[in-house]
């Protein structure tokens, strides 16, 4: 779906569509469970009016901007925490690995989750972020992976 948005010849088809229906379809395609009503409504209302189409400009810039970003990543010296879901079908874990391979001071944690890692595995996500804030950023350059049954 994301590729379709990036490669669409123009935004007209999306500008004339119902943004709530488009976002609802996207959520249905990447969520493996029903969102609580309040969370679902928050996602849908965030893209009302022209906000969905305008937000597409960001992903549509990928083809032009990602090569430049790729070349700049090795120069970033700030520690970076990368958290990705092993079952993310919208942004595959290979993208997180790509960043980790190029950011010299990064840590990559792959957790057993989909696209919305902070919701799918909230406790694990919060633990990773809390450890990062508590100082684990000082030991960057590692990869950990969460699979069923524990850390490997």
N, C-alpha and C. Protein backbone atom coordinates (compact mmCIF):
# COMPACT_ATOMS: atom_id res chain seq x y z
N UNK A 1 0.82 -1.19 0.00
CA UNK A 1 0.00 0.00 0.00
C UNK A 1 0.87 1.26 0.00
N UNK A 2 1.91 1.26 0.83
CA UNK A 2 2.79 2.43 0.89
C UNK A 2 3.45 2.67 -0.46
N UNK A 3 3.88 1.60 -1.10
CA UNK A 3 4.50 1.74 -2.43
C UNK A 3 3.51 2.37 -3.41
N UNK A 4 2.24 1.97 -3.34
CA UNK A 4 1.23 2.55 -4.23
C UNK A 4 1.12 4.06 -4.00
N UNK A 5 1.19 4.47 -2.76
CA UNK A 5 1.10 5.90 -2.44
C UNK A 5 2.32 6.65 -2.95
N UNK A 6 3.49 6.05 -2.80
CA UNK A 6 4.73 6.69 -3.23
C UNK A 6 4.77 6.80 -4.75
N UNK A 7 4.34 5.76 -5.43
CA UNK A 7 4.49 5.70 -6.88
C UNK A 7 3.28 6.20 -7.66
N UNK A 8 2.23 6.61 -6.99
CA UNK A 8 1.04 7.12 -7.70
C UNK A 8 1.45 8.33 -8.55
N UNK A 9 0.97 8.40 -9.80
CA UNK A 9 1.38 9.50 -10.68
C UNK A 9 0.97 10.88 -10.15
N UNK A 10 -0.15 10.93 -9.44
CA UNK A 10 -0.56 12.19 -8.83
C UNK A 10 -1.45 11.88 -7.63
N UNK A 11 -1.76 12.89 -6.87
CA UNK A 11 -2.53 12.72 -5.64
C UNK A 11 -4.03 12.89 -5.84
N UNK A 12 -4.46 13.14 -7.07
CA UNK A 12 -5.87 13.39 -7.34
C UNK A 12 -6.79 12.30 -6.85
N UNK A 13 -6.43 11.05 -7.09
CA UNK A 13 -7.28 9.95 -6.67
C UNK A 13 -7.46 9.92 -5.16
N UNK A 14 -6.45 10.35 -4.43
CA UNK A 14 -6.52 10.35 -2.97
C UNK A 14 -7.21 11.61 -2.45
N UNK A 15 -7.05 12.72 -3.17
CA UNK A 15 -7.64 13.98 -2.76
C UNK A 15 -9.17 13.91 -2.84
N UNK A 16 -9.68 13.11 -3.77
CA UNK A 16 -11.13 13.01 -3.94
C UNK A 16 -11.74 11.88 -3.13
N UNK A 17 -10.91 11.07 -2.51
CA UNK A 17 -11.42 9.97 -1.71
C UNK A 17 -11.73 10.40 -0.29
N UNK A 18 -12.39 9.54 0.42
CA UNK A 18 -12.71 9.78 1.83
C UNK A 18 -11.50 9.40 2.66
N UNK A 19 -10.82 10.37 3.28
CA UNK A 19 -9.59 10.04 4.02
C UNK A 19 -9.84 9.06 5.17
N UNK A 20 -11.01 9.12 5.78
CA UNK A 20 -11.30 8.19 6.87
C UNK A 20 -11.37 6.76 6.33
N UNK A 21 -11.95 6.59 5.15
CA UNK A 21 -12.06 5.26 4.56
C UNK A 21 -10.68 4.74 4.14
N UNK A 22 -9.84 5.63 3.59
CA UNK A 22 -8.50 5.22 3.17
C UNK A 22 -7.68 4.79 4.38
N UNK A 23 -7.71 5.59 5.44
CA UNK A 23 -6.93 5.28 6.64
C UNK A 23 -7.49 4.03 7.32
N UNK A 24 -8.81 3.90 7.34
CA UNK A 24 -9.42 2.70 7.93
C UNK A 24 -8.95 1.45 7.18
N UNK A 25 -8.88 1.53 5.86
CA UNK A 25 -8.39 0.40 5.07
C UNK A 25 -6.93 0.09 5.36
N UNK A 26 -6.13 1.15 5.51
CA UNK A 26 -4.71 0.95 5.83
C UNK A 26 -4.56 0.32 7.21
N UNK A 27 -5.32 0.79 8.16
CA UNK A 27 -5.25 0.22 9.51
C UNK A 27 -5.66 -1.25 9.50
N UNK A 28 -6.70 -1.55 8.77
CA UNK A 28 -7.17 -2.93 8.70
C UNK A 28 -6.10 -3.84 8.08
N UNK A 29 -5.35 -3.30 7.12
CA UNK A 29 -4.34 -4.10 6.45
C UNK A 29 -3.09 -4.35 7.28
N UNK A 30 -2.82 -3.50 8.28
CA UNK A 30 -1.59 -3.69 9.05
C UNK A 30 -1.82 -4.02 10.52
N UNK A 31 -3.03 -4.02 10.97
CA UNK A 31 -3.32 -4.38 12.36
C UNK A 31 -3.88 -5.80 12.37
N UNK A 32 -3.42 -6.59 13.31
CA UNK A 32 -3.90 -7.98 13.39
C UNK A 32 -5.03 -8.13 14.40
N UNK A 33 -5.45 -7.02 15.00
CA UNK A 33 -6.51 -7.06 15.99
C UNK A 33 -7.31 -5.76 15.90
N UNK A 34 -8.45 -5.75 16.54
CA UNK A 34 -9.30 -4.56 16.52
C UNK A 34 -8.74 -3.52 17.48
N UNK A 35 -8.62 -2.31 16.99
CA UNK A 35 -8.18 -1.21 17.84
C UNK A 35 -9.31 -0.80 18.78
N UNK A 36 -8.99 -0.35 19.97
CA UNK A 36 -10.03 0.24 20.82
C UNK A 36 -10.67 1.42 20.08
N UNK A 37 -11.95 1.64 20.28
CA UNK A 37 -12.67 2.69 19.55
C UNK A 37 -11.99 4.05 19.64
N UNK A 38 -11.51 4.43 20.81
CA UNK A 38 -10.90 5.74 20.97
C UNK A 38 -9.60 5.85 20.18
N UNK A 39 -8.81 4.78 20.13
CA UNK A 39 -7.55 4.78 19.38
C UNK A 39 -7.85 4.84 17.89
N UNK A 40 -8.78 4.02 17.45
CA UNK A 40 -9.17 4.02 16.03
C UNK A 40 -9.66 5.40 15.60
N UNK A 41 -10.51 6.00 16.41
CA UNK A 41 -11.04 7.33 16.09
C UNK A 41 -9.92 8.36 16.03
N UNK A 42 -8.94 8.24 16.91
CA UNK A 42 -7.80 9.16 16.90
C UNK A 42 -7.05 9.06 15.57
N UNK A 43 -6.75 7.84 15.12
CA UNK A 43 -6.07 7.67 13.84
C UNK A 43 -6.91 8.26 12.71
N UNK A 44 -8.19 7.96 12.69
CA UNK A 44 -9.04 8.42 11.59
C UNK A 44 -9.18 9.95 11.58
N UNK A 45 -9.37 10.54 12.75
CA UNK A 45 -9.58 11.99 12.79
C UNK A 45 -8.30 12.77 12.49
N UNK A 46 -7.16 12.17 12.72
CA UNK A 46 -5.88 12.85 12.44
C UNK A 46 -5.69 13.12 10.95
N UNK A 47 -6.38 12.40 10.10
CA UNK A 47 -6.18 12.54 8.67
C UNK A 47 -7.36 13.17 7.95
N UNK A 48 -8.27 13.77 8.68
CA UNK A 48 -9.46 14.37 8.05
C UNK A 48 -9.08 15.55 7.16
N UNK A 49 -10.01 15.88 6.27
CA UNK A 49 -9.79 16.99 5.36
C UNK A 49 -8.63 16.67 4.42
N UNK A 50 -7.74 17.63 4.24
CA UNK A 50 -6.58 17.46 3.36
C UNK A 50 -5.37 16.86 4.07
N UNK A 51 -5.49 16.59 5.37
CA UNK A 51 -4.32 16.14 6.13
C UNK A 51 -3.75 14.82 5.60
N UNK A 52 -4.59 13.90 5.16
CA UNK A 52 -4.07 12.63 4.64
C UNK A 52 -3.25 12.88 3.38
N UNK A 53 -3.82 13.58 2.43
CA UNK A 53 -3.12 13.83 1.17
C UNK A 53 -1.85 14.65 1.43
N UNK A 54 -1.92 15.63 2.28
CA UNK A 54 -0.74 16.44 2.56
C UNK A 54 0.34 15.61 3.25
N UNK A 55 -0.05 14.67 4.09
CA UNK A 55 0.95 13.83 4.76
C UNK A 55 1.63 12.88 3.77
N UNK A 56 0.97 12.61 2.66
CA UNK A 56 1.55 11.74 1.63
C UNK A 56 2.79 12.36 0.99
N UNK A 57 2.91 13.67 1.05
CA UNK A 57 4.09 14.33 0.48
C UNK A 57 5.37 13.77 1.11
N UNK A 58 5.29 13.46 2.39
CA UNK A 58 6.45 12.92 3.10
C UNK A 58 6.91 11.60 2.48
N UNK A 59 6.02 10.63 2.34
CA UNK A 59 6.43 9.34 1.80
C UNK A 59 6.72 9.42 0.31
N UNK A 60 6.10 10.36 -0.36
CA UNK A 60 6.36 10.51 -1.80
C UNK A 60 7.73 11.11 -2.07
N UNK A 61 8.34 11.69 -1.05
CA UNK A 61 9.68 12.26 -1.21
C UNK A 61 10.77 11.19 -1.08
N UNK A 62 10.40 9.99 -0.66
CA UNK A 62 11.39 8.93 -0.44
C UNK A 62 12.31 8.70 -1.64
N UNK A 63 11.79 8.51 -2.86
CA UNK A 63 12.70 8.19 -3.97
C UNK A 63 13.80 9.23 -4.18
N UNK A 64 13.48 10.49 -3.98
CA UNK A 64 14.47 11.54 -4.19
C UNK A 64 15.37 11.74 -2.97
N UNK A 65 14.83 11.59 -1.78
CA UNK A 65 15.58 11.95 -0.58
C UNK A 65 16.32 10.78 0.08
N UNK A 66 15.85 9.55 -0.11
CA UNK A 66 16.51 8.43 0.56
C UNK A 66 17.96 8.21 0.11
N UNK A 67 18.29 8.37 -1.17
CA UNK A 67 19.71 8.22 -1.54
C UNK A 67 20.61 9.25 -0.83
N UNK A 68 20.13 10.47 -0.70
CA UNK A 68 20.92 11.50 0.01
C UNK A 68 21.04 11.14 1.48
N UNK A 69 19.95 10.67 2.07
CA UNK A 69 19.98 10.27 3.48
C UNK A 69 20.95 9.11 3.68
N UNK A 70 20.89 8.12 2.80
CA UNK A 70 21.79 6.97 2.89
C UNK A 70 23.24 7.41 2.98
N UNK A 71 23.60 8.40 2.19
CA UNK A 71 24.98 8.86 2.16
C UNK A 71 25.35 9.69 3.39
N UNK A 72 24.37 10.27 4.05
CA UNK A 72 24.63 11.09 5.24
C UNK A 72 24.64 10.28 6.54
N UNK A 73 23.98 9.14 6.56
CA UNK A 73 23.85 8.36 7.79
C UNK A 73 25.18 8.06 8.48
N UNK A 74 26.22 7.66 7.76
CA UNK A 74 27.49 7.34 8.43
C UNK A 74 28.12 8.52 9.16
N UNK A 75 27.71 9.74 8.84
CA UNK A 75 28.27 10.93 9.48
C UNK A 75 27.58 11.29 10.79
N UNK A 76 26.45 10.66 11.09
CA UNK A 76 25.70 10.98 12.30
C UNK A 76 26.37 10.31 13.48
N UNK A 77 26.77 11.09 14.45
CA UNK A 77 27.48 10.58 15.62
C UNK A 77 26.59 10.47 16.85
N UNK A 78 25.38 10.95 16.77
CA UNK A 78 24.44 10.87 17.88
C UNK A 78 23.98 9.43 18.05
N UNK A 79 23.98 8.90 19.27
CA UNK A 79 23.43 7.56 19.48
C UNK A 79 21.95 7.49 19.05
N UNK A 80 21.60 6.41 18.38
CA UNK A 80 20.24 6.24 17.85
C UNK A 80 19.70 4.89 18.28
N UNK A 81 18.51 4.89 18.84
CA UNK A 81 17.80 3.66 19.20
C UNK A 81 16.82 3.35 18.08
N UNK A 82 16.92 2.19 17.46
CA UNK A 82 16.01 1.77 16.40
C UNK A 82 15.21 0.59 16.94
N UNK A 83 13.89 0.73 16.91
CA UNK A 83 13.01 -0.35 17.36
C UNK A 83 12.08 -0.68 16.20
N UNK A 84 12.01 -1.95 15.84
CA UNK A 84 11.17 -2.36 14.73
C UNK A 84 10.48 -3.67 15.06
N UNK A 85 9.33 -3.88 14.43
CA UNK A 85 8.59 -5.12 14.60
C UNK A 85 9.01 -6.16 13.58
N UNK A 86 9.24 -7.38 14.03
CA UNK A 86 9.64 -8.44 13.11
C UNK A 86 8.52 -8.81 12.14
N UNK A 87 7.28 -8.47 12.50
CA UNK A 87 6.14 -8.82 11.64
C UNK A 87 5.52 -7.59 10.98
N UNK A 88 6.30 -6.53 10.84
CA UNK A 88 5.80 -5.29 10.23
C UNK A 88 5.73 -5.49 8.72
N UNK A 89 4.53 -5.46 8.17
CA UNK A 89 4.36 -5.62 6.73
C UNK A 89 4.34 -4.28 6.01
N UNK A 90 4.21 -3.17 6.75
CA UNK A 90 4.20 -1.85 6.12
C UNK A 90 5.62 -1.32 5.92
N UNK A 91 6.45 -1.45 6.95
CA UNK A 91 7.85 -1.04 6.88
C UNK A 91 8.67 -2.22 7.38
N UNK A 92 9.11 -3.08 6.48
CA UNK A 92 9.79 -4.32 6.88
C UNK A 92 11.03 -4.09 7.74
N UNK A 93 11.36 -5.06 8.59
CA UNK A 93 12.54 -4.94 9.46
C UNK A 93 13.84 -4.69 8.69
N UNK A 94 13.87 -5.05 7.43
CA UNK A 94 15.08 -4.78 6.62
C UNK A 94 15.38 -3.29 6.58
N UNK A 95 14.35 -2.45 6.65
CA UNK A 95 14.57 -1.00 6.67
C UNK A 95 15.30 -0.59 7.95
N UNK A 96 14.91 -1.18 9.08
CA UNK A 96 15.58 -0.88 10.34
C UNK A 96 17.03 -1.36 10.29
N UNK A 97 17.25 -2.53 9.70
CA UNK A 97 18.60 -3.05 9.57
C UNK A 97 19.44 -2.15 8.68
N UNK A 98 18.84 -1.63 7.61
CA UNK A 98 19.52 -0.69 6.71
C UNK A 98 20.03 0.51 7.50
N UNK A 99 19.18 1.09 8.34
CA UNK A 99 19.60 2.22 9.17
C UNK A 99 20.73 1.83 10.11
N UNK A 100 20.52 0.71 10.79
CA UNK A 100 21.51 0.26 11.76
C UNK A 100 22.88 0.02 11.11
N UNK A 101 22.88 -0.54 9.92
CA UNK A 101 24.13 -0.82 9.22
C UNK A 101 24.89 0.46 8.87
N UNK A 102 24.19 1.58 8.76
CA UNK A 102 24.81 2.82 8.31
C UNK A 102 25.01 3.84 9.42
N UNK A 103 24.25 3.74 10.49
CA UNK A 103 24.41 4.66 11.62
C UNK A 103 25.48 4.09 12.55
N UNK A 104 26.61 4.77 12.69
CA UNK A 104 27.73 4.19 13.43
C UNK A 104 27.48 4.01 14.93
N UNK A 105 26.54 4.75 15.49
CA UNK A 105 26.26 4.65 16.93
C UNK A 105 24.79 4.34 17.14
N UNK A 106 24.39 3.18 16.64
CA UNK A 106 22.98 2.80 16.75
C UNK A 106 22.84 1.45 17.43
N UNK A 107 21.67 1.27 18.00
CA UNK A 107 21.27 0.00 18.58
C UNK A 107 19.97 -0.39 17.90
N UNK A 108 19.88 -1.63 17.48
CA UNK A 108 18.68 -2.13 16.82
C UNK A 108 18.04 -3.19 17.70
N UNK A 109 16.78 -2.98 18.02
CA UNK A 109 15.99 -3.98 18.74
C UNK A 109 14.82 -4.37 17.86
N UNK A 110 14.75 -5.64 17.52
CA UNK A 110 13.63 -6.20 16.77
C UNK A 110 12.76 -6.94 17.76
N UNK A 111 11.49 -6.54 17.81
CA UNK A 111 10.58 -7.19 18.75
C UNK A 111 9.45 -7.87 18.00
N UNK A 112 8.87 -8.85 18.63
CA UNK A 112 7.80 -9.64 18.03
C UNK A 112 6.53 -8.80 17.98
N UNK A 113 6.43 -7.97 16.93
CA UNK A 113 5.32 -7.03 16.82
C UNK A 113 5.11 -6.71 15.35
N UNK A 114 4.01 -6.02 15.08
CA UNK A 114 3.73 -5.54 13.74
C UNK A 114 4.21 -4.11 13.58
N UNK A 115 3.51 -3.34 12.76
CA UNK A 115 3.91 -1.97 12.44
C UNK A 115 3.83 -1.05 13.66
N UNK A 116 2.85 -1.23 14.48
CA UNK A 116 2.65 -0.36 15.65
C UNK A 116 3.29 -1.00 16.88
N UNK A 117 4.62 -1.04 16.89
CA UNK A 117 5.35 -1.73 17.95
C UNK A 117 4.98 -1.21 19.33
N UNK A 118 4.79 0.09 19.43
CA UNK A 118 4.48 0.71 20.73
C UNK A 118 3.11 0.30 21.25
N UNK A 119 2.26 -0.19 20.37
CA UNK A 119 0.95 -0.69 20.80
C UNK A 119 0.94 -2.21 20.88
N UNK A 120 1.52 -2.85 19.88
CA UNK A 120 1.51 -4.31 19.82
C UNK A 120 2.24 -4.94 21.00
N UNK A 121 3.37 -4.37 21.36
CA UNK A 121 4.18 -4.87 22.48
C UNK A 121 4.59 -3.70 23.36
N UNK A 122 3.58 -3.07 23.95
CA UNK A 122 3.81 -1.83 24.71
C UNK A 122 4.80 -2.00 25.84
N UNK A 123 4.72 -3.11 26.58
CA UNK A 123 5.62 -3.31 27.71
C UNK A 123 7.07 -3.43 27.24
N UNK A 124 7.31 -4.22 26.20
CA UNK A 124 8.67 -4.39 25.68
C UNK A 124 9.19 -3.08 25.10
N UNK A 125 8.34 -2.39 24.36
CA UNK A 125 8.73 -1.11 23.77
C UNK A 125 9.10 -0.12 24.88
N UNK A 126 8.26 -0.02 25.89
CA UNK A 126 8.52 0.91 27.00
C UNK A 126 9.81 0.54 27.73
N UNK A 127 10.06 -0.76 27.91
CA UNK A 127 11.28 -1.20 28.58
C UNK A 127 12.52 -0.81 27.76
N UNK A 128 12.46 -0.96 26.45
CA UNK A 128 13.59 -0.58 25.60
C UNK A 128 13.85 0.92 25.67
N UNK A 129 12.80 1.70 25.58
CA UNK A 129 12.95 3.15 25.63
C UNK A 129 13.46 3.58 27.01
N UNK A 130 12.92 2.99 28.06
CA UNK A 130 13.35 3.33 29.42
C UNK A 130 14.82 2.99 29.63
N UNK A 131 15.25 1.82 29.17
CA UNK A 131 16.67 1.46 29.27
C UNK A 131 17.54 2.43 28.49
N UNK A 132 17.08 2.83 27.31
CA UNK A 132 17.82 3.78 26.48
C UNK A 132 18.01 5.09 27.24
N UNK A 133 16.91 5.61 27.79
CA UNK A 133 16.99 6.87 28.54
C UNK A 133 17.87 6.73 29.78
N UNK A 134 17.88 5.54 30.36
CA UNK A 134 18.65 5.31 31.58
C UNK A 134 20.15 5.14 31.30
N UNK A 135 20.54 5.11 30.05
CA UNK A 135 21.96 5.06 29.75
C UNK A 135 22.43 3.98 28.81
N UNK A 136 21.55 3.12 28.35
CA UNK A 136 22.02 2.06 27.44
C UNK A 136 22.50 2.62 26.11
N UNK A 137 22.17 3.87 25.82
CA UNK A 137 22.65 4.49 24.59
C UNK A 137 24.18 4.53 24.54
N UNK A 138 24.82 4.42 25.69
CA UNK A 138 26.28 4.46 25.74
C UNK A 138 26.90 3.19 25.13
N UNK A 139 26.13 2.12 25.01
CA UNK A 139 26.63 0.86 24.46
C UNK A 139 25.99 0.61 23.10
N UNK A 140 26.10 1.58 22.20
CA UNK A 140 25.47 1.44 20.88
C UNK A 140 26.29 0.54 19.98
N UNK A 141 25.64 0.10 18.91
CA UNK A 141 26.30 -0.77 17.95
C UNK A 141 25.92 -2.22 18.13
N UNK A 142 24.79 -2.49 18.79
CA UNK A 142 24.37 -3.86 19.04
C UNK A 142 23.04 -4.14 18.38
N UNK A 143 22.75 -5.41 18.22
CA UNK A 143 21.46 -5.85 17.71
C UNK A 143 20.92 -6.87 18.69
N UNK A 144 19.69 -6.67 19.11
CA UNK A 144 19.00 -7.69 19.89
C UNK A 144 17.72 -8.01 19.18
N UNK A 145 17.26 -9.21 19.36
CA UNK A 145 16.05 -9.62 18.67
C UNK A 145 15.16 -10.35 19.65
N UNK A 146 13.91 -9.95 19.70
CA UNK A 146 12.93 -10.59 20.56
C UNK A 146 12.12 -11.56 19.70
N UNK A 147 12.10 -12.79 20.09
CA UNK A 147 11.31 -13.81 19.42
C UNK A 147 10.42 -14.46 20.47
N UNK A 148 9.47 -15.22 20.02
CA UNK A 148 8.66 -15.96 20.99
C UNK A 148 9.58 -16.81 21.84
N UNK A 149 9.37 -16.77 23.14
CA UNK A 149 10.20 -17.55 24.03
C UNK A 149 11.38 -16.80 24.61
N UNK A 150 11.58 -15.55 24.21
CA UNK A 150 12.63 -14.76 24.84
C UNK A 150 13.63 -14.18 23.89
N UNK A 151 14.56 -13.49 24.48
CA UNK A 151 15.59 -12.77 23.74
C UNK A 151 16.63 -13.73 23.19
N UNK A 152 17.04 -13.52 21.92
CA UNK A 152 18.10 -14.34 21.35
C UNK A 152 19.24 -13.44 20.91
